[in-house]
Amino acid sequence: MANKITYWAILGGGSTVDRPRGLLRRLEHDDGAEDEGLRVNADLSWRRSSTLVEWEHGNGEAELVEVSHAQASKIVQYFRERLAGEQA
C-alpha cells in the first residue's frame, strides 16, 4: 500500500484541469516511487508511465498540473462518462 499518492492532470491543446488530456499519479512506497497513467481510451485502469519522470527532467511535451485527490476523482469520473458516451 502506498504511503502517499500525488496526482497530476495532463494538459495541452486547449484542455483544462476539469477536462484534461489525461491523469497521472505517483505512488510513494517505503522502497521508492511508482508512476502510473490512467488509460483513458481503454478500460480506465492504471498502467506504469514514464511521463512524469520525463516532465521532471524537462523532456516531456505535456503540461502537468498537480491536482488534489478530490479533483482526481472528478477527472476519473469525467473520463468514465466520456468513455461511456463513445461506446453508446
PDB file of N, CA and C in Angstrom:
ATOM      1  N   MET A   1       0.849  -1.182   0.000  1.00  0.00           N
ATOM      2  CA  MET A   1       0.000   0.000   0.000  1.00  0.00           C
ATOM      3  C   MET A   1       0.895   1.246   0.000  1.00  0.00           C
ATOM      4  N   ALA A   2       0.454   2.233  -0.750  1.00  0.00           N
ATOM      5  CA  ALA A   2       1.225   3.471  -0.875  1.00  0.00           C
ATOM      6  C   ALA A   2       1.116   4.314   0.392  1.00  0.00           C
ATOM      7  N   ASN A   3       2.226   4.956   0.748  1.00  0.00           N
ATOM      8  CA  ASN A   3       2.239   5.878   1.878  1.00  0.00           C
ATOM      9  C   ASN A   3       1.631   7.222   1.502  1.00  0.00           C
ATOM     10  N   LYS A   4       1.793   7.593   0.234  1.00  0.00           N
ATOM     11  CA  LYS A   4       1.296   8.877  -0.258  1.00  0.00           C
ATOM     12  C   LYS A   4       0.992   8.725  -1.749  1.00  0.00           C
ATOM     13  N   ILE A   5      -0.067   9.375  -2.203  1.00  0.00           N
ATOM     14  CA  ILE A   5      -0.423   9.380  -3.623  1.00  0.00           C
ATOM     15  C   ILE A   5      -0.595  10.829  -4.057  1.00  0.00           C
ATOM     16  N   THR A   6       0.100  11.207  -5.119  1.00  0.00           N
ATOM     17  CA  THR A   6       0.002  12.549  -5.684  1.00  0.00           C
ATOM     18  C   THR A   6      -0.482  12.420  -7.113  1.00  0.00           C
ATOM     19  N   TYR A   7      -1.388  13.315  -7.524  1.00  0.00           N
ATOM     20  CA  TYR A   7      -1.989  13.269  -8.854  1.00  0.00           C
ATOM     21  C   TYR A   7      -1.611  14.494  -9.676  1.00  0.00           C
ATOM     22  N   TRP A   8      -1.527  14.317 -11.003  1.00  0.00           N
ATOM     23  CA  TRP A   8      -1.296  15.399 -11.949  1.00  0.00           C
ATOM     24  C   TRP A   8      -2.242  15.258 -13.115  1.00  0.00           C
ATOM     25  N   ALA A   9      -2.879  16.366 -13.518  1.00  0.00           N
ATOM     26  CA  ALA A   9      -3.672  16.404 -14.743  1.00  0.00           C
ATOM     27  C   ALA A   9      -2.722  16.701 -15.896  1.00  0.00           C
ATOM     28  N   ILE A  10      -2.932  16.025 -17.031  1.00  0.00           N
ATOM     29  CA  ILE A  10      -2.140  16.269 -18.234  1.00  0.00           C
ATOM     30  C   ILE A  10      -2.920  17.239 -19.100  1.00  0.00           C
ATOM     31  N   LEU A  11      -2.317  18.402 -19.350  1.00  0.00           N
ATOM     32  CA  LEU A  11      -2.973  19.446 -20.134  1.00  0.00           C
ATOM     33  C   LEU A  11      -2.287  19.620 -21.480  1.00  0.00           C
ATOM     34  N   GLY A  12      -2.901  20.416 -22.326  1.00  0.00           N
ATOM     35  CA  GLY A  12      -2.351  20.721 -23.637  1.00  0.00           C
ATOM     36  C   GLY A  12      -3.469  20.750 -24.661  1.00  0.00           C
ATOM     37  N   GLY A  13      -3.247  21.468 -25.729  1.00  0.00           N
ATOM     38  CA  GLY A  13      -4.237  21.510 -26.799  1.00  0.00           C
ATOM     39  C   GLY A  13      -5.577  22.069 -26.386  1.00  0.00           C
ATOM     40  N   GLY A  14      -5.582  23.047 -25.495  1.00  0.00           N
ATOM     41  CA  GLY A  14      -6.829  23.673 -25.074  1.00  0.00           C
ATOM     42  C   GLY A  14      -7.552  22.945 -23.954  1.00  0.00           C
ATOM     43  N   SER A  15      -6.960  21.893 -23.405  1.00  0.00           N
ATOM     44  CA  SER A  15      -7.608  21.168 -22.315  1.00  0.00           C
ATOM     45  C   SER A  15      -7.493  21.964 -21.011  1.00  0.00           C
ATOM     46  N   THR A  16      -8.317  21.607 -20.050  1.00  0.00           N
ATOM     47  CA  THR A  16      -8.329  22.269 -18.746  1.00  0.00           C
ATOM     48  C   THR A  16      -8.191  21.221 -17.649  1.00  0.00           C
ATOM     49  N   VAL A  17      -8.043  21.667 -16.423  1.00  0.00           N
ATOM     50  CA  VAL A  17      -7.963  20.738 -15.298  1.00  0.00           C
ATOM     51  C   VAL A  17      -9.269  19.959 -15.170  1.00  0.00           C
ATOM     52  N   ASP A  18     -10.394  20.567 -15.491  1.00  0.00           N
ATOM     53  CA  ASP A  18     -11.678  19.870 -15.427  1.00  0.00           C
ATOM     54  C   ASP A  18     -11.868  18.886 -16.576  1.00  0.00           C
ATOM     55  N   ARG A  19     -11.210  19.152 -17.696  1.00  0.00           N
ATOM     56  CA  ARG A  19     -11.298  18.288 -18.883  1.00  0.00           C
ATOM     57  C   ARG A  19      -9.902  18.109 -19.478  1.00  0.00           C
ATOM     58  N   PRO A  20      -9.055  17.385 -18.749  1.00  0.00           N
ATOM     59  CA  PRO A  20      -7.665  17.229 -19.188  1.00  0.00           C
ATOM     60  C   PRO A  20      -7.518  16.155 -20.265  1.00  0.00           C
ATOM     61  N   ARG A  21      -6.316  16.060 -20.789  1.00  0.00           N
ATOM     62  CA  ARG A  21      -5.994  15.022 -21.772  1.00  0.00           C
ATOM     63  C   ARG A  21      -5.721  13.690 -21.089  1.00  0.00           C
ATOM     64  N   GLY A  22      -5.322  13.736 -19.823  1.00  0.00           N
ATOM     65  CA  GLY A  22      -5.014  12.511 -19.096  1.00  0.00           C
ATOM     66  C   GLY A  22      -4.777  12.780 -17.631  1.00  0.00           C
ATOM     67  N   LEU A  23      -4.458  11.716 -16.887  1.00  0.00           N
ATOM     68  CA  LEU A  23      -4.243  11.810 -15.450  1.00  0.00           C
ATOM     69  C   LEU A  23      -3.089  10.891 -15.067  1.00  0.00           C
ATOM     70  N   LEU A  24      -2.182  11.397 -14.251  1.00  0.00           N
ATOM     71  CA  LEU A  24      -1.052  10.631 -13.733  1.00  0.00           C
ATOM     72  C   LEU A  24      -1.137  10.579 -12.217  1.00  0.00           C
ATOM     73  N   ARG A  25      -0.498   9.562 -11.652  1.00  0.00           N
ATOM     74  CA  ARG A  25      -0.371   9.517 -10.199  1.00  0.00           C
ATOM     75  C   ARG A  25       0.988   8.937  -9.841  1.00  0.00           C
ATOM     76  N   ARG A  26       1.507   9.400  -8.711  1.00  0.00           N
ATOM     77  CA  ARG A  26       2.747   8.863  -8.159  1.00  0.00           C
ATOM     78  C   ARG A  26       2.405   8.214  -6.824  1.00  0.00           C
ATOM     79  N   LEU A  27       2.705   6.928  -6.732  1.00  0.00           N
ATOM     80  CA  LEU A  27       2.510   6.165  -5.503  1.00  0.00           C
ATOM     81  C   LEU A  27       3.855   6.094  -4.795  1.00  0.00           C
ATOM     82  N   GLU A  28       3.917   6.617  -3.601  1.00  0.00           N
ATOM     83  CA  GLU A  28       5.167   6.610  -2.842  1.00  0.00           C
ATOM     84  C   GLU A  28       5.118   5.490  -1.814  1.00  0.00           C
ATOM     85  N   HIS A  29       6.025   4.523  -2.005  1.00  0.00           N
ATOM     86  CA  HIS A  29       6.146   3.366  -1.127  1.00  0.00           C
ATOM     87  C   HIS A  29       7.425   3.505  -0.305  1.00  0.00           C
ATOM     88  N   ASP A  30       7.583   2.667   0.701  1.00  0.00           N
ATOM     89  CA  ASP A  30       8.799   2.677   1.509  1.00  0.00           C
ATOM     90  C   ASP A  30      10.042   2.413   0.663  1.00  0.00           C
ATOM     91  N   ASP A  31       9.881   1.634  -0.399  1.00  0.00           N
ATOM     92  CA  ASP A  31      11.031   1.273  -1.228  1.00  0.00           C
ATOM     93  C   ASP A  31      11.139   2.101  -2.511  1.00  0.00           C
ATOM     94  N   GLY A  32      10.413   3.205  -2.599  1.00  0.00           N
ATOM     95  CA  GLY A  32      10.515   4.086  -3.763  1.00  0.00           C
ATOM     96  C   GLY A  32       9.169   4.447  -4.350  1.00  0.00           C
ATOM     97  N   ALA A  33       9.223   5.232  -5.412  1.00  0.00           N
ATOM     98  CA  ALA A  33       8.004   5.733  -6.052  1.00  0.00           C
ATOM     99  C   ALA A  33       7.678   4.922  -7.299  1.00  0.00           C
ATOM    100  N   GLU A  34       6.398   4.897  -7.622  1.00  0.00           N
ATOM    101  CA  GLU A  34       5.908   4.239  -8.830  1.00  0.00           C
ATOM    102  C   GLU A  34       4.941   5.208  -9.512  1.00  0.00           C
ATOM    103  N   ASP A  35       5.182   5.499 -10.793  1.00  0.00           N
ATOM    104  CA  ASP A  35       4.337   6.430 -11.538  1.00  0.00           C
ATOM    105  C   ASP A  35       3.420   5.659 -12.470  1.00  0.00           C
ATOM    106  N   GLU A  36       2.163   6.099 -12.517  1.00  0.00           N
ATOM    107  CA  GLU A  36       1.166   5.440 -13.351  1.00  0.00           C
ATOM    108  C   GLU A  36       0.321   6.473 -14.078  1.00  0.00           C
ATOM    109  N   GLY A  37      -0.183   6.073 -15.234  1.00  0.00           N
ATOM    110  CA  GLY A  37      -1.106   6.890 -16.005  1.00  0.00           C
ATOM    111  C   GLY A  37      -2.425   6.168 -16.159  1.00  0.00           C
ATOM    112  N   LEU A  38      -3.501   6.923 -16.150  1.00  0.00           N
ATOM    113  CA  LEU A  38      -4.832   6.360 -16.339  1.00  0.00           C
ATOM    114  C   LEU A  38      -5.041   6.080 -17.823  1.00  0.00           C
ATOM    115  N   ARG A  39      -5.464   4.891 -18.163  1.00  0.00           N
ATOM    116  CA  ARG A  39      -5.725   4.520 -19.567  1.00  0.00           C
ATOM    117  C   ARG A  39      -7.102   5.062 -19.950  1.00  0.00           C
ATOM    118  N   VAL A  40      -7.118   6.280 -20.480  1.00  0.00           N
ATOM    119  CA  VAL A  40      -8.378   6.990 -20.698  1.00  0.00           C
ATOM    120  C   VAL A  40      -9.144   6.525 -21.929  1.00  0.00           C
ATOM    121  N   ASN A  41      -8.519   5.843 -22.851  1.00  0.00           N
ATOM    122  CA  ASN A  41      -9.214   5.377 -24.054  1.00  0.00           C
ATOM    123  C   ASN A  41      -9.436   3.881 -24.044  1.00  0.00           C
ATOM    124  N   ALA A  42      -9.289   3.272 -22.874  1.00  0.00           N
ATOM    125  CA  ALA A  42      -9.438   1.827 -22.791  1.00  0.00           C
ATOM    126  C   ALA A  42     -10.364   1.469 -21.629  1.00  0.00           C
ATOM    127  N   ASP A  43      -9.797   0.867 -20.614  1.00  0.00           N
ATOM    128  CA  ASP A  43     -10.594   0.360 -19.505  1.00  0.00           C
ATOM    129  C   ASP A  43     -10.463   1.176 -18.220  1.00  0.00           C
ATOM    130  N   LEU A  44      -9.839   2.338 -18.297  1.00  0.00           N
ATOM    131  CA  LEU A  44      -9.632   3.222 -17.148  1.00  0.00           C
ATOM    132  C   LEU A  44      -8.822   2.559 -16.038  1.00  0.00           C
ATOM    133  N   SER A  45      -7.942   1.659 -16.415  1.00  0.00           N
ATOM    134  CA  SER A  45      -7.029   1.064 -15.445  1.00  0.00           C
ATOM    135  C   SER A  45      -5.764   1.913 -15.382  1.00  0.00           C
ATOM    136  N   TRP A  46      -4.964   1.687 -14.354  1.00  0.00           N
ATOM    137  CA  TRP A  46      -3.706   2.399 -14.181  1.00  0.00           C
ATOM    138  C   TRP A  46      -2.570   1.536 -14.701  1.00  0.00           C
ATOM    139  N   ARG A  47      -1.670   2.144 -15.484  1.00  0.00           N
ATOM    140  CA  ARG A  47      -0.503   1.447 -16.036  1.00  0.00           C
ATOM    141  C   ARG A  47       0.737   2.283 -15.769  1.00  0.00           C
ATOM    142  N   ARG A  48       1.861   1.612 -15.623  1.00  0.00           N
ATOM    143  CA  ARG A  48       3.120   2.342 -15.411  1.00  0.00           C
ATOM    144  C   ARG A  48       3.341   3.355 -16.523  1.00  0.00           C
ATOM    145  N   SER A  49       3.918   4.482 -16.147  1.00  0.00           N
ATOM    146  CA  SER A  49       4.131   5.575 -17.096  1.00  0.00           C
ATOM    147  C   SER A  49       5.449   6.284 -16.785  1.00  0.00           C
ATOM    148  N   SER A  50       6.138   6.696 -17.830  1.00  0.00           N
ATOM    149  CA  SER A  50       7.374   7.464 -17.663  1.00  0.00           C
ATOM    150  C   SER A  50       7.136   8.963 -17.871  1.00  0.00           C
ATOM    151  N   THR A  51       5.900   9.355 -18.149  1.00  0.00           N
ATOM    152  CA  THR A  51       5.584  10.750 -18.471  1.00  0.00           C
ATOM    153  C   THR A  51       6.007  11.711 -17.370  1.00  0.00           C
ATOM    154  N   LEU A  52       5.753  11.377 -16.130  1.00  0.00           N
ATOM    155  CA  LEU A  52       6.065  12.271 -15.010  1.00  0.00           C
ATOM    156  C   LEU A  52       7.576  12.460 -14.850  1.00  0.00           C
ATOM    157  N   VAL A  53       8.331  11.391 -14.937  1.00  0.00           N
ATOM    158  CA  VAL A  53       9.793  11.485 -14.825  1.00  0.00           C
ATOM    159  C   VAL A  53      10.359  12.302 -15.984  1.00  0.00           C
ATOM    160  N   GLU A  54       9.846  12.060 -17.193  1.00  0.00           N
ATOM    161  CA  GLU A  54      10.297  12.833 -18.354  1.00  0.00           C
ATOM    162  C   GLU A  54      10.011  14.314 -18.151  1.00  0.00           C
ATOM    163  N   TRP A  55       8.830  14.631 -17.642  1.00  0.00           N
ATOM    164  CA  TRP A  55       8.444  16.026 -17.392  1.00  0.00           C
ATOM    165  C   TRP A  55       9.355  16.655 -16.336  1.00  0.00           C
ATOM    166  N   GLU A  56       9.655  15.915 -15.285  1.00  0.00           N
ATOM    167  CA  GLU A  56      10.529  16.425 -14.220  1.00  0.00           C
ATOM    168  C   GLU A  56      11.935  16.730 -14.740  1.00  0.00           C
ATOM    169  N   HIS A  57      12.361  16.014 -15.764  1.00  0.00           N
ATOM    170  CA  HIS A  57      13.688  16.226 -16.343  1.00  0.00           C
ATOM    171  C   HIS A  57      13.649  17.155 -17.558  1.00  0.00           C
ATOM    172  N   GLY A  58      12.507  17.788 -17.803  1.00  0.00           N
ATOM    173  CA  GLY A  58      12.392  18.743 -18.894  1.00  0.00           C
ATOM    174  C   GLY A  58      12.299  18.120 -20.267  1.00  0.00           C
ATOM    175  N   ASN A  59      12.008  16.823 -20.336  1.00  0.00           N
ATOM    176  CA  ASN A  59      11.948  16.137 -21.624  1.00  0.00           C
ATOM    177  C   ASN A  59      10.535  15.921 -22.136  1.00  0.00           C
ATOM    178  N   GLY A  60       9.548  16.153 -21.314  1.00  0.00           N
ATOM    179  CA  GLY A  60       8.174  15.898 -21.730  1.00  0.00           C
ATOM    180  C   GLY A  60       7.557  17.075 -22.452  1.00  0.00           C
ATOM    181  N   GLU A  61       6.633  16.776 -23.333  1.00  0.00           N
ATOM    182  CA  GLU A  61       5.921  17.817 -24.066  1.00  0.00           C
ATOM    183  C   GLU A  61       4.648  18.244 -23.351  1.00  0.00           C
ATOM    184  N   ALA A  62       4.153  17.407 -22.477  1.00  0.00           N
ATOM    185  CA  ALA A  62       2.892  17.686 -21.802  1.00  0.00           C
ATOM    186  C   ALA A  62       3.071  18.730 -20.709  1.00  0.00           C
ATOM    187  N   GLU A  63       2.003  19.450 -20.448  1.00  0.00           N
ATOM    188  CA  GLU A  63       1.957  20.366 -19.306  1.00  0.00           C
ATOM    189  C   GLU A  63       1.240  19.624 -18.188  1.00  0.00           C
ATOM    190  N   LEU A  64       1.881  19.486 -17.050  1.00  0.00           N
ATOM    191  CA  LEU A  64       1.292  18.784 -15.921  1.00  0.00           C
ATOM    192  C   LEU A  64       0.951  19.765 -14.806  1.00  0.00           C
ATOM    193  N   VAL A  65      -0.208  19.553 -14.201  1.00  0.00           N
ATOM    194  CA  VAL A  65      -0.666  20.388 -13.095  1.00  0.00           C
ATOM    195  C   VAL A  65      -1.059  19.462 -11.952  1.00  0.00           C
ATOM    196  N   GLU A  66      -0.445  19.648 -10.789  1.00  0.00           N
ATOM    197  CA  GLU A  66      -0.793  18.828  -9.641  1.00  0.00           C
ATOM    198  C   GLU A  66      -2.225  19.124  -9.219  1.00  0.00           C
ATOM    199  N   VAL A  67      -2.980  18.073  -8.919  1.00  0.00           N
ATOM    200  CA  VAL A  67      -4.372  18.214  -8.502  1.00  0.00           C
ATOM    201  C   VAL A  67      -4.601  17.422  -7.213  1.00  0.00           C
ATOM    202  N   SER A  68      -5.635  17.784  -6.499  1.00  0.00           N
ATOM    203  CA  SER A  68      -5.983  17.113  -5.245  1.00  0.00           C
ATOM    204  C   SER A  68      -6.601  15.735  -5.534  1.00  0.00           C
ATOM    205  N   HIS A  69      -6.707  14.938  -4.485  1.00  0.00           N
ATOM    206  CA  HIS A  69      -7.365  13.637  -4.621  1.00  0.00           C
ATOM    207  C   HIS A  69      -8.818  13.827  -5.063  1.00  0.00           C
ATOM    208  N   ALA A  70      -9.495  14.820  -4.498  1.00  0.00           N
ATOM    209  CA  ALA A  70     -10.888  15.089  -4.871  1.00  0.00           C
ATOM    210  C   ALA A  70     -10.999  15.460  -6.349  1.00  0.00           C
ATOM    211  N   GLN A  71     -10.090  16.318  -6.837  1.00  0.00           N
ATOM    212  CA  GLN A  71     -10.102  16.699  -8.252  1.00  0.00           C
ATOM    213  C   GLN A  71      -9.778  15.500  -9.124  1.00  0.00           C
ATOM    214  N   ALA A  72      -8.842  14.658  -8.696  1.00  0.00           N
ATOM    215  CA  ALA A  72      -8.502  13.454  -9.463  1.00  0.00           C
ATOM    216  C   ALA A  72      -9.723  12.546  -9.593  1.00  0.00           C
ATOM    217  N   SER A  73     -10.502  12.419  -8.532  1.00  0.00           N
ATOM    218  CA  SER A  73     -11.725  11.609  -8.579  1.00  0.00           C
ATOM    219  C   SER A  73     -12.709  12.171  -9.599  1.00  0.00           C
ATOM    220  N   LYS A  74     -12.835  13.498  -9.653  1.00  0.00           N
ATOM    221  CA  LYS A  74     -13.711  14.143 -10.639  1.00  0.00           C
ATOM    222  C   LYS A  74     -13.203  13.895 -12.053  1.00  0.00           C
ATOM    223  N   ILE A  75     -11.885  13.909 -12.227  1.00  0.00           N
ATOM    224  CA  ILE A  75     -11.298  13.666 -13.548  1.00  0.00           C
ATOM    225  C   ILE A  75     -11.571  12.229 -13.994  1.00  0.00           C
ATOM    226  N   VAL A  76     -11.423  11.274 -13.090  1.00  0.00           N
ATOM    227  CA  VAL A  76     -11.726   9.885 -13.426  1.00  0.00           C
ATOM    228  C   VAL A  76     -13.187   9.765 -13.842  1.00  0.00           C
ATOM    229  N   GLN A  77     -14.074  10.424 -13.122  1.00  0.00           N
ATOM    230  CA  GLN A  77     -15.498  10.398 -13.472  1.00  0.00           C
ATOM    231  C   GLN A  77     -15.732  11.020 -14.847  1.00  0.00           C
ATOM    232  N   TYR A  78     -15.051  12.112 -15.152  1.00  0.00           N
ATOM    233  CA  TYR A  78     -15.144  12.746 -16.471  1.00  0.00           C
ATOM    234  C   TYR A  78     -14.768  11.747 -17.560  1.00  0.00           C
ATOM    235  N   PHE A  79     -13.653  11.029 -17.382  1.00  0.00           N
ATOM    236  CA  PHE A  79     -13.236  10.048 -18.391  1.00  0.00           C
ATOM    237  C   PHE A  79     -14.197   8.866 -18.455  1.00  0.00           C
ATOM    238  N   ARG A  80     -14.744   8.454 -17.330  1.00  0.00           N
ATOM    239  CA  ARG A  80     -15.729   7.374 -17.310  1.00  0.00           C
ATOM    240  C   ARG A  80     -16.955   7.763 -18.147  1.00  0.00           C
ATOM    241  N   GLU A  81     -17.451   8.984 -17.950  1.00  0.00           N
ATOM    242  CA  GLU A  81     -18.622   9.452 -18.703  1.00  0.00           C
ATOM    243  C   GLU A  81     -18.288   9.612 -20.182  1.00  0.00           C
ATOM    244  N   ARG A  82     -17.093  10.112 -20.470  1.00  0.00           N
ATOM    245  CA  ARG A  82     -16.684  10.285 -21.872  1.00  0.00           C
ATOM    246  C   ARG A  82     -16.578   8.935 -22.578  1.00  0.00           C
ATOM    247  N   LEU A  83     -15.983   7.964 -21.899  1.00  0.00           N
ATOM    248  CA  LEU A  83     -15.827   6.635 -22.485  1.00  0.00           C
ATOM    249  C   LEU A  83     -17.198   5.972 -22.693  1.00  0.00           C
ATOM    250  N   ALA A  84     -18.114   6.143 -21.744  1.00  0.00           N
ATOM    251  CA  ALA A  84     -19.461   5.592 -21.881  1.00  0.00           C
ATOM    252  C   ALA A  84     -20.171   6.224 -23.076  1.00  0.00           C
ATOM    253  N   GLY A  85     -19.985   7.535 -23.286  1.00  0.00           N
ATOM    254  CA  GLY A  85     -20.601   8.220 -24.419  1.00  0.00           C
ATOM    255  C   GLY A  85     -20.053   7.733 -25.749  1.00  0.00           C
ATOM    256  N   GLU A  86     -18.771   7.393 -25.789  1.00  0.00           N
ATOM    257  CA  GLU A  86     -18.155   6.898 -27.026  1.00  0.00           C
ATOM    258  C   GLU A  86     -18.626   5.499 -27.350  1.00  0.00           C
ATOM    259  N   GLN A  87     -18.982   4.720 -26.338  1.00  0.00           N
ATOM    260  CA  GLN A  87     -19.406   3.341 -26.549  1.00  0.00           C
ATOM    261  C   GLN A  87     -20.899   3.238 -26.839  1.00  0.00           C
ATOM    262  N   ALA A  88     -21.623   4.324 -26.625  1.00  0.00           N
ATOM    263  CA  ALA A  88     -23.088   4.302 -26.844  1.00  0.00           C
ATOM    264  C   ALA A  88     -23.433   4.338 -28.322  1.00  0.00           C
TER     265      ALA A  88
END
